[in-house]
N, C-alpha and C. Protein backbone atom coordinates (compact mmCIF):
# COMPACT_ATOMS: atom_id res chain seq x y z
N ILE A 1 6.90 -23.26 -21.01
CA ILE A 1 7.13 -22.44 -19.82
C ILE A 1 5.87 -21.64 -19.49
N LYS A 2 5.20 -21.08 -20.50
CA LYS A 2 3.99 -20.30 -20.24
C LYS A 2 2.90 -21.17 -19.64
N CYS A 3 2.84 -22.44 -20.03
CA CYS A 3 1.83 -23.34 -19.49
C CYS A 3 2.04 -23.57 -17.99
N GLU A 4 3.24 -23.43 -17.54
CA GLU A 4 3.54 -23.60 -16.12
C GLU A 4 3.55 -22.27 -15.38
N LYS A 5 3.03 -21.23 -16.05
CA LYS A 5 2.85 -19.89 -15.47
C LYS A 5 4.15 -19.16 -15.15
N TRP A 6 5.21 -19.44 -15.88
CA TRP A 6 6.45 -18.68 -15.74
C TRP A 6 6.28 -17.38 -16.50
N GLU A 7 6.82 -16.30 -15.94
CA GLU A 7 6.69 -14.98 -16.54
C GLU A 7 8.02 -14.23 -16.52
N THR A 8 8.09 -13.22 -17.37
CA THR A 8 9.20 -12.26 -17.29
C THR A 8 8.67 -11.04 -16.55
N ASN A 9 9.56 -10.16 -16.12
CA ASN A 9 9.15 -8.94 -15.45
C ASN A 9 10.28 -7.92 -15.60
N THR A 10 9.91 -6.68 -15.83
CA THR A 10 10.92 -5.63 -16.03
C THR A 10 11.78 -5.39 -14.79
N ASN A 11 11.34 -5.84 -13.62
CA ASN A 11 12.13 -5.67 -12.41
C ASN A 11 13.17 -6.77 -12.22
N LEU A 12 13.15 -7.77 -13.06
CA LEU A 12 14.13 -8.85 -12.97
C LEU A 12 15.27 -8.60 -13.96
N PRO A 13 16.45 -9.13 -13.66
CA PRO A 13 17.55 -9.00 -14.62
C PRO A 13 17.17 -9.65 -15.95
N ASN A 14 17.78 -9.19 -17.01
CA ASN A 14 17.53 -9.75 -18.34
C ASN A 14 17.69 -11.25 -18.35
N GLY A 15 16.76 -11.95 -18.97
CA GLY A 15 16.85 -13.40 -19.09
C GLY A 15 16.28 -14.18 -17.92
N TRP A 16 15.86 -13.51 -16.86
CA TRP A 16 15.28 -14.18 -15.70
C TRP A 16 13.79 -14.38 -15.91
N ILE A 17 13.25 -15.43 -15.31
CA ILE A 17 11.81 -15.67 -15.28
C ILE A 17 11.40 -15.98 -13.84
N PHE A 18 10.12 -15.81 -13.57
CA PHE A 18 9.63 -16.13 -12.23
C PHE A 18 8.23 -16.72 -12.32
N ARG A 19 7.83 -17.33 -11.22
CA ARG A 19 6.48 -17.89 -11.10
C ARG A 19 5.97 -17.56 -9.70
N GLU A 20 4.73 -17.09 -9.65
CA GLU A 20 4.10 -16.77 -8.38
C GLU A 20 3.18 -17.93 -7.99
N GLY A 21 3.36 -18.41 -6.79
CA GLY A 21 2.50 -19.47 -6.27
C GLY A 21 1.74 -18.97 -5.07
N SER A 22 0.70 -19.68 -4.70
CA SER A 22 -0.05 -19.27 -3.52
C SER A 22 -0.62 -20.49 -2.82
N ASN A 23 -0.85 -20.32 -1.53
CA ASN A 23 -1.54 -21.34 -0.75
C ASN A 23 -2.33 -20.64 0.35
N PHE A 24 -3.41 -21.27 0.72
CA PHE A 24 -4.26 -20.71 1.76
C PHE A 24 -3.87 -21.34 3.08
N GLY A 25 -3.59 -20.50 4.06
CA GLY A 25 -3.17 -21.04 5.35
C GLY A 25 -3.33 -20.05 6.47
N ASN A 26 -2.80 -20.42 7.61
CA ASN A 26 -2.88 -19.61 8.81
C ASN A 26 -1.58 -18.84 8.97
N ASP A 27 -1.66 -17.52 9.02
CA ASP A 27 -0.49 -16.67 9.20
C ASP A 27 -0.67 -15.84 10.46
N ARG A 28 0.04 -16.20 11.53
CA ARG A 28 -0.06 -15.51 12.82
C ARG A 28 -1.49 -15.43 13.31
N GLY A 29 -2.22 -16.53 13.20
CA GLY A 29 -3.57 -16.61 13.73
C GLY A 29 -4.66 -16.13 12.79
N VAL A 30 -4.29 -15.67 11.59
CA VAL A 30 -5.27 -15.17 10.63
C VAL A 30 -5.21 -16.03 9.38
N GLU A 31 -6.38 -16.48 8.92
CA GLU A 31 -6.41 -17.27 7.69
C GLU A 31 -6.30 -16.32 6.51
N ARG A 32 -5.34 -16.62 5.62
CA ARG A 32 -5.13 -15.77 4.46
C ARG A 32 -4.39 -16.53 3.37
N THR A 33 -4.36 -15.94 2.19
CA THR A 33 -3.61 -16.50 1.09
C THR A 33 -2.17 -16.02 1.20
N ASN A 34 -1.24 -16.94 1.20
CA ASN A 34 0.19 -16.61 1.25
C ASN A 34 0.77 -16.81 -0.14
N TYR A 35 1.60 -15.89 -0.57
CA TYR A 35 2.20 -15.94 -1.90
C TYR A 35 3.68 -16.26 -1.78
N ASN A 36 4.17 -17.03 -2.74
CA ASN A 36 5.59 -17.37 -2.79
C ASN A 36 6.07 -17.24 -4.23
N TYR A 37 7.36 -17.12 -4.39
CA TYR A 37 7.93 -16.86 -5.71
C TYR A 37 9.09 -17.81 -5.98
N SER A 38 9.15 -18.30 -7.21
CA SER A 38 10.26 -19.12 -7.68
C SER A 38 10.90 -18.39 -8.85
N PHE A 39 12.21 -18.55 -8.99
CA PHE A 39 12.95 -17.85 -10.04
C PHE A 39 13.89 -18.79 -10.76
N VAL A 40 14.15 -18.48 -12.03
CA VAL A 40 15.19 -19.15 -12.80
C VAL A 40 16.04 -18.04 -13.41
N SER A 41 17.35 -18.09 -13.14
CA SER A 41 18.25 -17.08 -13.66
C SER A 41 18.57 -17.37 -15.11
N ARG A 42 19.19 -16.43 -15.79
CA ARG A 42 19.58 -16.64 -17.19
C ARG A 42 20.66 -17.72 -17.31
N GLU A 43 21.33 -18.00 -16.18
CA GLU A 43 22.33 -19.07 -16.18
C GLU A 43 21.69 -20.44 -15.93
N GLY A 44 20.39 -20.44 -15.61
CA GLY A 44 19.68 -21.70 -15.37
C GLY A 44 19.59 -22.11 -13.91
N ASP A 45 20.06 -21.27 -13.00
CA ASP A 45 19.97 -21.58 -11.57
C ASP A 45 18.53 -21.34 -11.09
N CYS A 46 18.04 -22.21 -10.20
CA CYS A 46 16.69 -22.11 -9.67
C CYS A 46 16.72 -21.64 -8.22
N PHE A 47 15.77 -20.78 -7.88
CA PHE A 47 15.67 -20.25 -6.52
C PHE A 47 14.22 -20.31 -6.09
N GLU A 48 13.99 -20.80 -4.88
CA GLU A 48 12.62 -20.99 -4.39
C GLU A 48 12.15 -19.87 -3.47
N SER A 49 12.86 -18.75 -3.44
CA SER A 49 12.41 -17.61 -2.64
C SER A 49 13.06 -16.34 -3.18
N VAL A 50 12.44 -15.22 -2.85
CA VAL A 50 12.98 -13.92 -3.24
C VAL A 50 14.33 -13.71 -2.58
N SER A 51 14.43 -14.04 -1.30
CA SER A 51 15.68 -13.79 -0.57
C SER A 51 16.85 -14.58 -1.15
N ARG A 52 16.62 -15.83 -1.54
CA ARG A 52 17.71 -16.62 -2.13
C ARG A 52 18.13 -16.07 -3.49
N ALA A 53 17.16 -15.62 -4.26
CA ALA A 53 17.49 -15.04 -5.57
C ALA A 53 18.28 -13.75 -5.40
N ILE A 54 17.88 -12.93 -4.44
CA ILE A 54 18.60 -11.67 -4.21
C ILE A 54 20.02 -11.95 -3.70
N GLU A 55 20.17 -12.93 -2.83
CA GLU A 55 21.52 -13.30 -2.34
C GLU A 55 22.42 -13.66 -3.52
N PHE A 56 21.88 -14.42 -4.46
CA PHE A 56 22.64 -14.83 -5.64
C PHE A 56 23.06 -13.61 -6.47
N VAL A 57 22.11 -12.71 -6.72
CA VAL A 57 22.40 -11.52 -7.52
C VAL A 57 23.45 -10.65 -6.83
N LYS A 58 23.34 -10.48 -5.52
CA LYS A 58 24.31 -9.67 -4.77
C LYS A 58 25.71 -10.27 -4.84
N ALA A 59 25.80 -11.60 -4.79
CA ALA A 59 27.10 -12.28 -4.74
C ALA A 59 27.76 -12.39 -6.12
N SER A 60 27.01 -12.23 -7.17
CA SER A 60 27.54 -12.43 -8.53
C SER A 60 28.10 -11.13 -9.09
N THR A 61 29.20 -11.26 -9.80
CA THR A 61 29.78 -10.09 -10.48
C THR A 61 29.06 -9.78 -11.79
N LEU A 62 28.14 -10.65 -12.20
CA LEU A 62 27.39 -10.44 -13.45
C LEU A 62 26.24 -9.43 -13.28
N TYR A 63 25.97 -9.06 -12.03
CA TYR A 63 24.85 -8.18 -11.75
C TYR A 63 25.32 -6.96 -10.97
N ASP A 64 24.55 -5.86 -11.05
CA ASP A 64 24.95 -4.65 -10.33
C ASP A 64 23.86 -4.23 -9.32
N GLU A 65 24.09 -3.10 -8.66
CA GLU A 65 23.15 -2.62 -7.63
C GLU A 65 21.76 -2.33 -8.20
N ASP A 66 21.68 -1.88 -9.45
CA ASP A 66 20.37 -1.63 -10.06
C ASP A 66 19.57 -2.92 -10.14
N ASP A 67 20.23 -4.03 -10.46
CA ASP A 67 19.54 -5.33 -10.50
C ASP A 67 18.97 -5.68 -9.14
N VAL A 68 19.76 -5.42 -8.09
CA VAL A 68 19.30 -5.72 -6.72
C VAL A 68 18.12 -4.82 -6.36
N GLU A 69 18.25 -3.51 -6.62
CA GLU A 69 17.17 -2.57 -6.30
C GLU A 69 15.88 -2.93 -7.03
N ASN A 70 15.99 -3.27 -8.31
CA ASN A 70 14.80 -3.62 -9.08
C ASN A 70 14.14 -4.88 -8.55
N PHE A 71 14.94 -5.82 -8.09
CA PHE A 71 14.40 -7.06 -7.54
C PHE A 71 13.44 -6.77 -6.38
N PHE A 72 13.82 -5.79 -5.55
CA PHE A 72 12.99 -5.43 -4.39
C PHE A 72 11.65 -4.82 -4.80
N LYS A 73 11.50 -4.39 -6.04
CA LYS A 73 10.26 -3.79 -6.52
C LYS A 73 9.25 -4.84 -6.97
N LEU A 74 9.70 -6.04 -7.26
CA LEU A 74 8.82 -7.07 -7.83
C LEU A 74 7.64 -7.41 -6.94
N VAL A 75 7.89 -7.77 -5.69
CA VAL A 75 6.81 -8.23 -4.81
C VAL A 75 5.80 -7.10 -4.53
N PRO A 76 6.23 -5.88 -4.16
CA PRO A 76 5.24 -4.81 -3.97
C PRO A 76 4.41 -4.53 -5.23
N GLU A 77 5.04 -4.64 -6.39
CA GLU A 77 4.30 -4.44 -7.64
C GLU A 77 3.23 -5.50 -7.81
N ARG A 78 3.56 -6.74 -7.53
CA ARG A 78 2.58 -7.82 -7.64
C ARG A 78 1.46 -7.66 -6.61
N GLN A 79 1.81 -7.23 -5.40
CA GLN A 79 0.80 -6.99 -4.37
C GLN A 79 -0.17 -5.91 -4.82
N ALA A 80 0.35 -4.85 -5.41
CA ALA A 80 -0.51 -3.76 -5.88
C ALA A 80 -1.44 -4.26 -6.99
N GLU A 81 -0.93 -5.08 -7.89
CA GLU A 81 -1.76 -5.64 -8.96
C GLU A 81 -2.89 -6.48 -8.37
N ARG A 82 -2.59 -7.28 -7.35
CA ARG A 82 -3.63 -8.11 -6.72
C ARG A 82 -4.67 -7.25 -6.01
N ARG A 83 -4.22 -6.17 -5.33
CA ARG A 83 -5.15 -5.30 -4.62
C ARG A 83 -6.17 -4.69 -5.58
N VAL A 84 -5.70 -4.25 -6.74
CA VAL A 84 -6.58 -3.63 -7.72
C VAL A 84 -7.63 -4.63 -8.20
N LYS A 85 -7.26 -5.88 -8.32
CA LYS A 85 -8.17 -6.91 -8.82
C LYS A 85 -9.14 -7.42 -7.76
N THR A 86 -8.87 -7.14 -6.49
CA THR A 86 -9.74 -7.62 -5.41
C THR A 86 -11.13 -7.01 -5.58
N GLU A 87 -12.15 -7.84 -5.54
CA GLU A 87 -13.52 -7.39 -5.78
C GLU A 87 -14.10 -6.57 -4.63
N ARG A 88 -13.52 -6.61 -3.48
CA ARG A 88 -14.09 -5.92 -2.33
C ARG A 88 -13.94 -4.40 -2.40
N TRP A 89 -13.11 -3.88 -3.30
CA TRP A 89 -12.95 -2.44 -3.44
C TRP A 89 -14.15 -1.88 -4.19
N THR A 90 -14.66 -0.75 -3.75
CA THR A 90 -15.80 -0.13 -4.40
C THR A 90 -15.52 1.33 -4.72
N GLU A 91 -16.22 1.83 -5.73
CA GLU A 91 -16.13 3.25 -6.06
C GLU A 91 -16.64 4.02 -4.85
N ASP A 92 -16.13 5.24 -4.65
CA ASP A 92 -16.48 6.03 -3.48
C ASP A 92 -16.60 7.49 -3.91
N ASN A 93 -17.77 8.08 -3.75
CA ASN A 93 -18.00 9.46 -4.19
C ASN A 93 -17.17 10.48 -3.42
N SER A 94 -16.61 10.08 -2.29
CA SER A 94 -15.79 11.01 -1.51
C SER A 94 -14.32 10.95 -1.91
N LEU A 95 -14.04 10.24 -3.01
CA LEU A 95 -12.66 10.09 -3.49
C LEU A 95 -12.57 10.51 -4.96
N PRO A 96 -11.38 10.90 -5.41
CA PRO A 96 -11.21 11.25 -6.82
C PRO A 96 -11.44 10.04 -7.74
N LYS A 97 -11.63 10.33 -9.00
CA LYS A 97 -11.85 9.28 -10.00
C LYS A 97 -10.67 8.29 -9.98
N GLY A 98 -11.01 7.00 -10.00
CA GLY A 98 -10.00 5.95 -10.01
C GLY A 98 -9.66 5.42 -8.63
N TRP A 99 -9.94 6.18 -7.59
CA TRP A 99 -9.71 5.74 -6.22
C TRP A 99 -10.88 4.87 -5.77
N LYS A 100 -10.62 3.94 -4.85
CA LYS A 100 -11.66 3.07 -4.31
C LYS A 100 -11.47 2.92 -2.81
N SER A 101 -12.48 2.37 -2.17
CA SER A 101 -12.38 2.12 -0.73
C SER A 101 -13.01 0.78 -0.40
N ARG A 102 -12.71 0.29 0.78
CA ARG A 102 -13.37 -0.91 1.29
C ARG A 102 -13.41 -0.82 2.81
N VAL A 103 -14.41 -1.45 3.37
CA VAL A 103 -14.57 -1.46 4.83
C VAL A 103 -14.26 -2.86 5.32
N CYS A 104 -13.42 -2.94 6.34
CA CYS A 104 -13.06 -4.23 6.96
C CYS A 104 -13.51 -4.22 8.41
N GLU A 105 -14.02 -5.34 8.82
CA GLU A 105 -14.46 -5.45 10.21
C GLU A 105 -13.54 -6.42 10.93
N GLY A 106 -13.03 -6.00 12.04
CA GLY A 106 -12.19 -6.83 12.90
C GLY A 106 -12.49 -6.42 14.32
N LYS A 107 -11.45 -6.09 15.09
CA LYS A 107 -11.68 -5.56 16.43
C LYS A 107 -12.46 -4.26 16.34
N GLU A 108 -12.21 -3.53 15.25
CA GLU A 108 -12.94 -2.29 14.98
C GLU A 108 -13.19 -2.21 13.49
N VAL A 109 -14.19 -1.46 13.09
CA VAL A 109 -14.48 -1.27 11.67
C VAL A 109 -13.49 -0.24 11.14
N ARG A 110 -12.85 -0.56 10.03
CA ARG A 110 -11.85 0.33 9.47
C ARG A 110 -12.07 0.45 7.96
N LYS A 111 -11.88 1.66 7.44
CA LYS A 111 -12.01 1.90 6.01
C LYS A 111 -10.63 2.08 5.41
N TYR A 112 -10.37 1.35 4.33
CA TYR A 112 -9.10 1.42 3.62
C TYR A 112 -9.31 2.11 2.28
N PHE A 113 -8.24 2.69 1.75
CA PHE A 113 -8.33 3.43 0.50
C PHE A 113 -7.30 2.90 -0.49
N LEU A 114 -7.70 2.82 -1.76
CA LEU A 114 -6.86 2.26 -2.81
C LEU A 114 -6.67 3.29 -3.92
N SER A 115 -5.39 3.59 -4.22
CA SER A 115 -5.09 4.53 -5.30
C SER A 115 -5.23 3.81 -6.64
N PRO A 116 -5.30 4.57 -7.72
CA PRO A 116 -5.39 3.94 -9.04
C PRO A 116 -4.18 3.05 -9.37
N LYS A 117 -3.04 3.30 -8.72
CA LYS A 117 -1.83 2.48 -8.95
C LYS A 117 -1.78 1.25 -8.06
N GLY A 118 -2.78 1.08 -7.18
CA GLY A 118 -2.83 -0.10 -6.33
C GLY A 118 -2.22 0.06 -4.96
N ASN A 119 -1.83 1.29 -4.60
CA ASN A 119 -1.31 1.53 -3.26
C ASN A 119 -2.46 1.61 -2.27
N SER A 120 -2.34 0.92 -1.14
CA SER A 120 -3.40 0.88 -0.14
C SER A 120 -3.02 1.77 1.04
N TYR A 121 -4.02 2.49 1.56
CA TYR A 121 -3.81 3.39 2.70
C TYR A 121 -4.79 3.03 3.81
N GLN A 122 -4.31 3.01 5.05
CA GLN A 122 -5.12 2.57 6.19
C GLN A 122 -6.10 3.62 6.67
N ASN A 123 -5.96 4.85 6.21
CA ASN A 123 -6.90 5.89 6.59
C ASN A 123 -6.88 7.00 5.55
N ARG A 124 -7.87 7.84 5.62
CA ARG A 124 -8.02 8.94 4.65
C ARG A 124 -6.86 9.92 4.77
N ARG A 125 -6.38 10.14 5.99
CA ARG A 125 -5.27 11.07 6.20
C ARG A 125 -4.04 10.64 5.42
N SER A 126 -3.72 9.35 5.44
CA SER A 126 -2.56 8.84 4.71
C SER A 126 -2.75 9.00 3.20
N ALA A 127 -3.98 8.75 2.74
CA ALA A 127 -4.28 8.93 1.32
C ALA A 127 -4.11 10.41 0.94
N LEU A 128 -4.57 11.30 1.82
CA LEU A 128 -4.44 12.73 1.59
C LEU A 128 -2.97 13.14 1.47
N GLN A 129 -2.14 12.64 2.38
CA GLN A 129 -0.72 12.97 2.33
C GLN A 129 -0.09 12.48 1.02
N HIS A 130 -0.45 11.28 0.59
CA HIS A 130 0.05 10.74 -0.67
C HIS A 130 -0.33 11.66 -1.83
N MET A 131 -1.57 12.10 -1.84
CA MET A 131 -2.05 12.94 -2.93
C MET A 131 -1.31 14.28 -2.98
N MET A 132 -1.00 14.83 -1.82
CA MET A 132 -0.25 16.09 -1.78
C MET A 132 1.16 15.91 -2.33
N ILE A 133 1.80 14.83 -1.92
CA ILE A 133 3.16 14.55 -2.38
C ILE A 133 3.19 14.32 -3.89
N GLU A 134 2.16 13.65 -4.39
CA GLU A 134 2.10 13.32 -5.81
C GLU A 134 1.57 14.47 -6.68
N GLY A 135 1.19 15.58 -6.05
CA GLY A 135 0.76 16.75 -6.81
C GLY A 135 -0.63 16.66 -7.41
N TYR A 136 -1.55 16.01 -6.71
CA TYR A 136 -2.94 15.95 -7.18
C TYR A 136 -3.53 17.36 -7.21
N SER A 137 -4.60 17.53 -7.98
CA SER A 137 -5.25 18.84 -8.09
C SER A 137 -5.87 19.24 -6.76
N GLU A 138 -6.04 20.55 -6.58
CA GLU A 138 -6.63 21.05 -5.34
C GLU A 138 -8.06 20.55 -5.17
N SER A 139 -8.78 20.36 -6.27
CA SER A 139 -10.16 19.86 -6.16
C SER A 139 -10.18 18.41 -5.66
N ASP A 140 -9.23 17.58 -6.12
CA ASP A 140 -9.15 16.20 -5.63
C ASP A 140 -8.76 16.17 -4.16
N ILE A 141 -7.79 17.02 -3.79
CA ILE A 141 -7.35 17.08 -2.40
C ILE A 141 -8.49 17.56 -1.50
N SER A 142 -9.23 18.55 -1.95
CA SER A 142 -10.37 19.05 -1.17
C SER A 142 -11.44 17.98 -1.00
N LEU A 143 -11.67 17.20 -2.03
CA LEU A 143 -12.65 16.13 -1.95
C LEU A 143 -12.29 15.14 -0.84
N VAL A 144 -11.02 14.74 -0.79
CA VAL A 144 -10.57 13.81 0.24
C VAL A 144 -10.56 14.48 1.61
N ARG A 145 -10.10 15.72 1.65
CA ARG A 145 -10.06 16.45 2.93
C ARG A 145 -11.47 16.60 3.52
N ASN A 146 -12.46 16.87 2.67
CA ASN A 146 -13.84 17.01 3.16
C ASN A 146 -14.35 15.70 3.76
N GLY A 147 -13.85 14.57 3.29
CA GLY A 147 -14.27 13.28 3.82
C GLY A 147 -13.66 12.94 5.17
N LEU A 148 -12.72 13.76 5.64
CA LEU A 148 -12.10 13.50 6.95
C LEU A 148 -13.13 13.52 8.07
N ALA A 149 -14.25 14.21 7.85
CA ALA A 149 -15.31 14.24 8.86
C ALA A 149 -15.82 12.83 9.14
N ASP A 150 -15.76 11.95 8.14
CA ASP A 150 -16.20 10.56 8.34
C ASP A 150 -15.31 9.82 9.34
N GLU A 151 -14.10 10.32 9.56
CA GLU A 151 -13.17 9.71 10.52
C GLU A 151 -13.12 10.51 11.82
N GLY A 152 -14.07 11.43 11.99
CA GLY A 152 -14.17 12.17 13.24
C GLY A 152 -13.44 13.50 13.28
N TRP A 153 -12.81 13.92 12.18
CA TRP A 153 -12.09 15.19 12.15
C TRP A 153 -13.07 16.33 11.92
N ALA A 154 -12.87 17.45 12.61
CA ALA A 154 -13.77 18.60 12.50
C ALA A 154 -12.97 19.89 12.38
N ASP A 155 -13.61 20.90 11.78
CA ASP A 155 -13.01 22.24 11.70
C ASP A 155 -13.24 22.96 13.03
N HIS A 156 -12.43 23.97 13.29
CA HIS A 156 -12.62 24.80 14.48
C HIS A 156 -12.18 26.22 14.13
N ASP A 157 -12.94 27.20 14.62
CA ASP A 157 -12.65 28.60 14.31
C ASP A 157 -11.26 29.04 14.75
N ASN A 158 -10.71 28.42 15.78
CA ASN A 158 -9.40 28.82 16.30
C ASN A 158 -8.23 28.11 15.62
N LEU A 159 -8.52 27.30 14.62
CA LEU A 159 -7.46 26.60 13.88
C LEU A 159 -7.26 27.25 12.52
N PRO A 160 -6.04 27.19 11.98
CA PRO A 160 -5.80 27.73 10.64
C PRO A 160 -6.65 27.00 9.58
N LEU A 161 -6.75 27.60 8.43
CA LEU A 161 -7.51 27.03 7.31
C LEU A 161 -7.02 25.61 7.00
N ASN A 162 -7.94 24.71 6.83
CA ASN A 162 -7.68 23.30 6.48
C ASN A 162 -7.05 22.49 7.61
N TRP A 163 -6.93 23.04 8.81
CA TRP A 163 -6.51 22.27 9.97
C TRP A 163 -7.78 21.69 10.60
N LYS A 164 -7.66 20.55 11.26
CA LYS A 164 -8.81 19.91 11.87
C LYS A 164 -8.41 19.35 13.24
N TYR A 165 -9.41 18.96 14.01
CA TYR A 165 -9.15 18.37 15.31
C TYR A 165 -10.14 17.24 15.54
N LYS A 166 -9.81 16.37 16.51
CA LYS A 166 -10.77 15.37 16.99
C LYS A 166 -10.34 14.90 18.37
N PHE A 167 -11.33 14.41 19.11
CA PHE A 167 -11.07 13.81 20.42
C PHE A 167 -10.93 12.31 20.21
N THR A 168 -9.98 11.73 20.90
CA THR A 168 -9.76 10.29 20.83
C THR A 168 -9.86 9.73 22.24
N ALA A 169 -10.60 8.65 22.38
CA ALA A 169 -10.75 8.03 23.70
C ALA A 169 -9.43 7.45 24.17
N SER A 170 -9.17 7.59 25.44
CA SER A 170 -7.97 7.04 26.05
C SER A 170 -8.33 6.55 27.44
N THR A 171 -7.68 5.50 27.89
CA THR A 171 -7.97 5.00 29.24
C THR A 171 -7.41 5.93 30.31
N LEU A 172 -6.38 6.69 29.99
CA LEU A 172 -5.76 7.58 30.97
C LEU A 172 -6.40 8.96 30.99
N ARG A 173 -6.59 9.55 29.81
CA ARG A 173 -7.16 10.88 29.70
C ARG A 173 -7.60 11.10 28.26
N PRO A 174 -8.49 12.05 28.05
CA PRO A 174 -8.89 12.32 26.67
C PRO A 174 -7.71 12.89 25.88
N VAL A 175 -7.64 12.54 24.62
CA VAL A 175 -6.57 13.02 23.76
C VAL A 175 -7.18 13.90 22.68
N ILE A 176 -6.63 15.08 22.53
CA ILE A 176 -7.04 15.97 21.45
C ILE A 176 -5.99 15.85 20.36
N ARG A 177 -6.43 15.50 19.18
CA ARG A 177 -5.52 15.37 18.04
C ARG A 177 -5.74 16.55 17.11
N ILE A 178 -4.66 17.12 16.63
CA ILE A 178 -4.71 18.23 15.68
C ILE A 178 -4.11 17.75 14.36
N LEU A 179 -4.84 17.99 13.29
CA LEU A 179 -4.40 17.60 11.94
C LEU A 179 -4.07 18.85 11.16
N THR A 180 -2.82 18.96 10.69
CA THR A 180 -2.42 20.13 9.91
C THR A 180 -2.92 20.00 8.48
N GLU A 181 -2.79 21.07 7.72
CA GLU A 181 -3.28 21.04 6.34
C GLU A 181 -2.54 20.03 5.47
N ASN A 182 -1.31 19.68 5.84
CA ASN A 182 -0.56 18.70 5.04
C ASN A 182 -0.66 17.29 5.60
N GLY A 183 -1.51 17.07 6.60
CA GLY A 183 -1.77 15.73 7.09
C GLY A 183 -0.96 15.28 8.28
N ASP A 184 -0.10 16.16 8.82
CA ASP A 184 0.65 15.80 10.02
C ASP A 184 -0.29 15.86 11.22
N VAL A 185 -0.02 15.04 12.24
CA VAL A 185 -0.88 14.99 13.43
C VAL A 185 -0.07 15.34 14.68
N PHE A 186 -0.68 16.15 15.53
CA PHE A 186 -0.11 16.47 16.83
C PHE A 186 -1.11 16.00 17.89
N ASP A 187 -0.62 15.31 18.91
CA ASP A 187 -1.46 14.83 20.01
C ASP A 187 -1.20 15.66 21.25
N ASN A 188 -2.25 16.23 21.84
CA ASN A 188 -2.15 17.00 23.10
C ASN A 188 -0.89 17.86 23.16
N PHE A 189 -0.71 18.69 22.20
CA PHE A 189 0.51 19.49 22.13
C PHE A 189 0.63 20.52 23.19
């Protein structure tokens, strides 16, 4: 079974195994690697997708709600593991130890942020909010907050401490965005 890349996982019911497969293809006009999952239950039933396996667990009296909830954690956990292993992430002096960033170019250049646990954030503000919720130190939070200037956020004498603002281009009218100390945003309030 190990030779065929079958694995156990703490998010699966006892006795279950799974295998992750991948193929490179076109997904909504973008070329990317698509991942799929196969499962074998402790009863020996085979399932070729997460949804079919979850349907089986929900319908069976041998499993409970915790089994269903844990099943939903498997794919995000695997995605986080892959993100951490991606070579495009780099150390960033404007982030706390263990955090990384990467720049992607598409319609616009965008910087993404990766936590030590593999969670990805589309902007520094989202990473900042995560850090506050998770109880990071004030020095780590300040480090990330100071980097908000890289995304166009600025201090202003008429705003409370740690609040910021920026102008955003709009086809209709200029938009003034206000960022509170906890990362909430108000547009043209």
